[in-house]
Amino acid sequence: MARPQAFNRQQTLGRAIECFWLKGYRETSLSDLLITMNISRSTFYNSFGDKRQLFELCLHTYAQQTQQILALTLLNKKLKGLQAIKQFLQLVLLTPNEELISRGCLLVNTLAATARVDDELNQLAKQLIQPVKLGIIQQLAEAFDGASSIQYGEWLFTQLLGWRLQTQIGLEKSILRQQIDWSLQQLEQQLEH
């Protein structure tokens, strides 16, 4: 009788995230996952269920990693308003290396890929990315009145989604930095009025 293959679940899950992040849910085959995760088919099914269950677990795990970035920036009590937002944008858009930036964000990629195709996965990705939008709105509430903070937060969140998609098609970091700076300047000008 064959001995079950031992594996590090977190490392294996990390490899699955990488695979889905590079290829997307629909384009990732079971063979891709088995090779990338370096596990057998039976171990895969016994440990993760099916491809969809694994993808949902990967989205949740990725969102938890995003929460760590939020804790350092948008949810950090030491940073306020536009300073916190600038730190967040720099950390997620400008700090990573070119290869990582060109992948975009797994949640944003999932939103784009599942729109009008898979409502359940789309709703899950929306739910998991919601803390980012709420963090932006919360920081803007430090500077603007309630209604304005929501309006400006929605605008900046839309910018963020666009920047994430643009980085995948080769937006240069210098142009991205200019766009971020310009957007924050627009918000600063609104504060002065």
Protein backbone atom coordinates (compact mmCIF):
# COMPACT_ATOMS: atom_id res chain seq x y z
CA MET A 1 0.00 0.00 0.00
CA ALA A 2 1.37 3.40 -0.98
CA ARG A 3 2.15 5.80 1.82
CA PRO A 4 0.26 9.12 1.64
CA GLN A 5 2.44 11.94 0.38
CA ALA A 6 3.35 14.37 3.14
CA PHE A 7 3.33 18.03 2.20
CA ASN A 8 3.39 21.46 3.75
CA ARG A 9 -0.15 22.72 3.30
CA GLN A 10 0.73 26.44 3.45
CA GLN A 11 3.56 26.14 0.93
CA THR A 12 1.41 24.03 -1.35
CA LEU A 13 -1.43 26.54 -1.08
CA GLY A 14 1.05 29.33 -1.86
CA ARG A 15 2.07 27.52 -5.03
CA ALA A 16 -1.60 27.16 -6.01
CA ILE A 17 -2.10 30.90 -5.50
CA GLU A 18 0.87 31.57 -7.79
CA CYS A 19 -0.58 29.28 -10.46
CA PHE A 20 -4.04 30.87 -10.36
CA TRP A 21 -2.50 34.35 -10.20
CA LEU A 22 -0.46 33.74 -13.35
CA LYS A 23 -3.08 31.91 -15.41
CA GLY A 24 -6.45 32.82 -13.91
CA TYR A 25 -9.13 30.45 -12.68
CA ARG A 26 -10.58 29.40 -16.02
CA GLU A 27 -7.21 28.88 -17.74
CA THR A 28 -5.66 26.88 -14.91
CA SER A 29 -6.08 23.16 -15.45
CA LEU A 30 -5.97 20.42 -12.84
CA SER A 31 -2.71 19.24 -14.43
CA ASP A 32 -1.24 22.74 -13.99
CA LEU A 33 -2.18 22.65 -10.33
CA LEU A 34 -0.86 19.14 -9.68
CA ILE A 35 2.48 19.99 -11.28
CA THR A 36 2.79 23.38 -9.57
CA MET A 37 1.66 22.10 -6.18
CA ASN A 38 3.78 18.93 -6.55
CA ILE A 39 1.06 16.66 -5.18
CA SER A 40 -0.83 13.66 -6.48
CA ARG A 41 -4.38 13.77 -7.76
CA SER A 42 -5.66 11.84 -4.72
CA THR A 43 -3.83 14.16 -2.31
CA PHE A 44 -5.31 17.12 -4.17
CA TYR A 45 -8.89 15.88 -3.88
CA ASN A 46 -8.47 14.66 -0.29
CA SER A 47 -6.86 17.91 0.85
CA PHE A 48 -8.56 20.60 -1.21
CA GLY A 49 -11.74 19.15 -2.69
CA ASP A 50 -11.95 20.31 -6.27
CA LYS A 51 -10.44 23.11 -8.34
CA ARG A 52 -13.17 25.58 -7.44
CA GLN A 53 -12.89 24.91 -3.71
CA LEU A 54 -9.13 25.35 -3.95
CA PHE A 55 -9.54 28.61 -5.86
CA GLU A 56 -11.94 29.97 -3.24
CA LEU A 57 -9.45 28.99 -0.52
CA CYS A 58 -6.70 30.75 -2.50
CA LEU A 59 -8.82 33.91 -2.76
CA HIS A 60 -9.43 33.88 1.01
CA THR A 61 -5.72 33.31 1.71
CA TYR A 62 -4.73 36.11 -0.67
CA ALA A 63 -7.27 38.41 1.01
CA GLN A 64 -5.71 37.62 4.40
CA GLN A 65 -2.35 38.69 3.00
CA THR A 66 -3.99 41.89 1.77
CA GLN A 67 -5.27 42.47 5.32
CA GLN A 68 -1.65 42.54 6.50
CA ILE A 69 -0.91 45.34 4.03
CA LEU A 70 -4.03 47.17 5.19
CA ALA A 71 -2.87 46.86 8.81
CA LEU A 72 0.41 48.57 7.89
CA THR A 73 -1.24 51.38 5.97
CA LEU A 74 -4.96 52.13 5.80
CA LEU A 75 -5.77 50.63 9.21
CA ASN A 76 -2.62 51.92 10.91
CA LYS A 77 -3.61 54.36 13.67
CA LYS A 78 -0.29 56.21 13.27
CA LEU A 79 -1.09 57.19 9.68
CA LYS A 80 -3.93 59.56 8.86
CA GLY A 81 -5.89 60.52 5.78
CA LEU A 82 -4.00 61.01 2.56
CA GLN A 83 -0.72 59.96 4.17
CA ALA A 84 -2.13 56.48 4.87
CA ILE A 85 -3.61 56.24 1.39
CA LYS A 86 -0.32 57.28 -0.21
CA GLN A 87 1.56 54.66 1.83
CA PHE A 88 -0.94 52.00 0.76
CA LEU A 89 -0.75 52.91 -2.93
CA GLN A 90 3.05 52.98 -2.83
CA LEU A 91 3.20 49.62 -1.09
CA VAL A 92 0.85 47.80 -3.45
CA LEU A 93 1.61 49.57 -6.73
CA LEU A 94 5.14 50.94 -6.64
CA THR A 95 7.18 48.82 -4.22
CA PRO A 96 6.88 45.34 -5.79
CA ASN A 97 9.26 44.33 -8.56
CA GLU A 98 8.17 44.58 -12.20
CA GLU A 99 7.32 40.88 -12.49
CA LEU A 100 5.04 41.01 -9.47
CA ILE A 101 3.44 44.29 -10.55
CA SER A 102 2.70 42.89 -14.00
CA ARG A 103 0.53 40.17 -12.45
CA GLY A 104 -1.88 42.72 -11.05
CA CYS A 105 -3.96 41.75 -8.03
CA LEU A 106 -5.52 38.29 -7.79
CA LEU A 107 -8.79 39.77 -6.52
CA VAL A 108 -8.97 42.44 -9.24
CA ASN A 109 -8.03 39.86 -11.87
CA THR A 110 -10.82 37.62 -10.61
CA LEU A 111 -13.32 40.48 -10.69
CA ALA A 112 -12.44 41.22 -14.31
CA ALA A 113 -12.37 37.58 -15.41
CA THR A 114 -15.61 36.51 -13.73
CA ALA A 115 -17.82 39.50 -14.53
CA ARG A 116 -20.93 38.22 -16.35
CA VAL A 117 -19.42 34.70 -16.41
CA ASP A 118 -19.39 33.42 -12.83
CA ASP A 119 -21.51 35.45 -10.44
CA GLU A 120 -20.57 33.44 -7.34
CA LEU A 121 -16.82 33.90 -7.77
CA ASN A 122 -17.35 37.53 -8.76
CA GLN A 123 -19.35 38.18 -5.59
CA LEU A 124 -16.71 36.44 -3.48
CA ALA A 125 -13.94 38.59 -4.99
CA LYS A 126 -16.04 41.74 -4.41
CA GLN A 127 -16.60 40.74 -0.80
CA LEU A 128 -12.90 40.02 -0.23
CA ILE A 129 -11.70 43.30 -1.79
CA GLN A 130 -14.29 45.38 0.09
CA PRO A 131 -11.96 46.04 3.08
CA VAL A 132 -9.62 47.93 0.73
CA LYS A 133 -12.41 50.26 -0.39
CA LEU A 134 -13.64 50.70 3.18
CA GLY A 135 -10.09 51.47 4.36
CA ILE A 136 -9.74 54.18 1.72
CA ILE A 137 -13.13 55.66 2.62
CA GLN A 138 -12.29 55.52 6.32
CA GLN A 139 -9.05 57.44 5.77
CA LEU A 140 -10.78 60.00 3.58
CA ALA A 141 -13.39 60.46 6.30
CA GLU A 142 -10.53 61.84 8.40
CA ALA A 143 -10.26 64.70 5.90
CA PHE A 144 -13.71 65.13 4.31
CA ASP A 145 -17.27 65.12 5.54
CA GLY A 146 -19.13 61.79 5.40
CA ALA A 147 -20.76 62.07 1.98
CA SER A 148 -17.65 63.45 0.32
CA SER A 149 -15.43 60.75 1.81
CA ILE A 150 -17.63 58.07 0.27
CA GLN A 151 -17.68 59.80 -3.12
CA TYR A 152 -13.92 60.40 -3.15
CA GLY A 153 -13.28 56.91 -1.78
CA GLU A 154 -15.31 55.32 -4.58
CA TRP A 155 -13.39 57.42 -7.11
CA LEU A 156 -9.98 56.50 -5.71
CA PHE A 157 -10.95 52.82 -5.43
CA THR A 158 -11.97 52.88 -9.10
CA GLN A 159 -8.58 54.44 -9.88
CA LEU A 160 -6.86 51.65 -7.94
CA LEU A 161 -8.72 48.96 -9.89
CA GLY A 162 -7.76 50.66 -13.15
CA TRP A 163 -4.12 50.97 -12.13
CA ARG A 164 -4.03 47.29 -11.20
CA LEU A 165 -5.32 46.35 -14.64
CA GLN A 166 -3.03 48.84 -16.41
CA THR A 167 0.05 47.41 -14.71
CA GLN A 168 -0.75 44.09 -16.36
CA ILE A 169 -0.57 45.63 -19.81
CA GLY A 170 2.73 47.33 -19.16
CA LEU A 171 2.04 50.72 -17.58
CA GLU A 172 5.46 52.08 -16.68
CA LYS A 173 6.16 52.66 -13.02
CA SER A 174 7.16 56.29 -13.64
CA ILE A 175 3.81 57.03 -15.32
CA LEU A 176 1.97 55.16 -12.59
CA ARG A 177 3.77 57.23 -9.95
CA GLN A 178 2.74 60.43 -11.79
CA GLN A 179 -0.88 59.28 -11.93
CA ILE A 180 -0.92 58.43 -8.22
CA ASP A 181 0.66 61.77 -7.32
CA TRP A 182 -1.80 63.65 -9.55
CA SER A 183 -4.78 61.84 -8.03
CA LEU A 184 -3.62 62.62 -4.50
CA GLN A 185 -3.03 66.25 -5.51
CA GLN A 186 -6.64 66.42 -6.73
CA LEU A 187 -7.82 65.20 -3.35
CA GLU A 188 -5.56 67.70 -1.56
CA GLN A 189 -7.01 70.52 -3.69
CA GLN A 190 -10.51 69.42 -2.72
CA LEU A 191 -9.47 69.63 0.92
CA GLU A 192 -8.44 73.25 0.44
CA HIS A 193 -11.88 74.26 -0.85
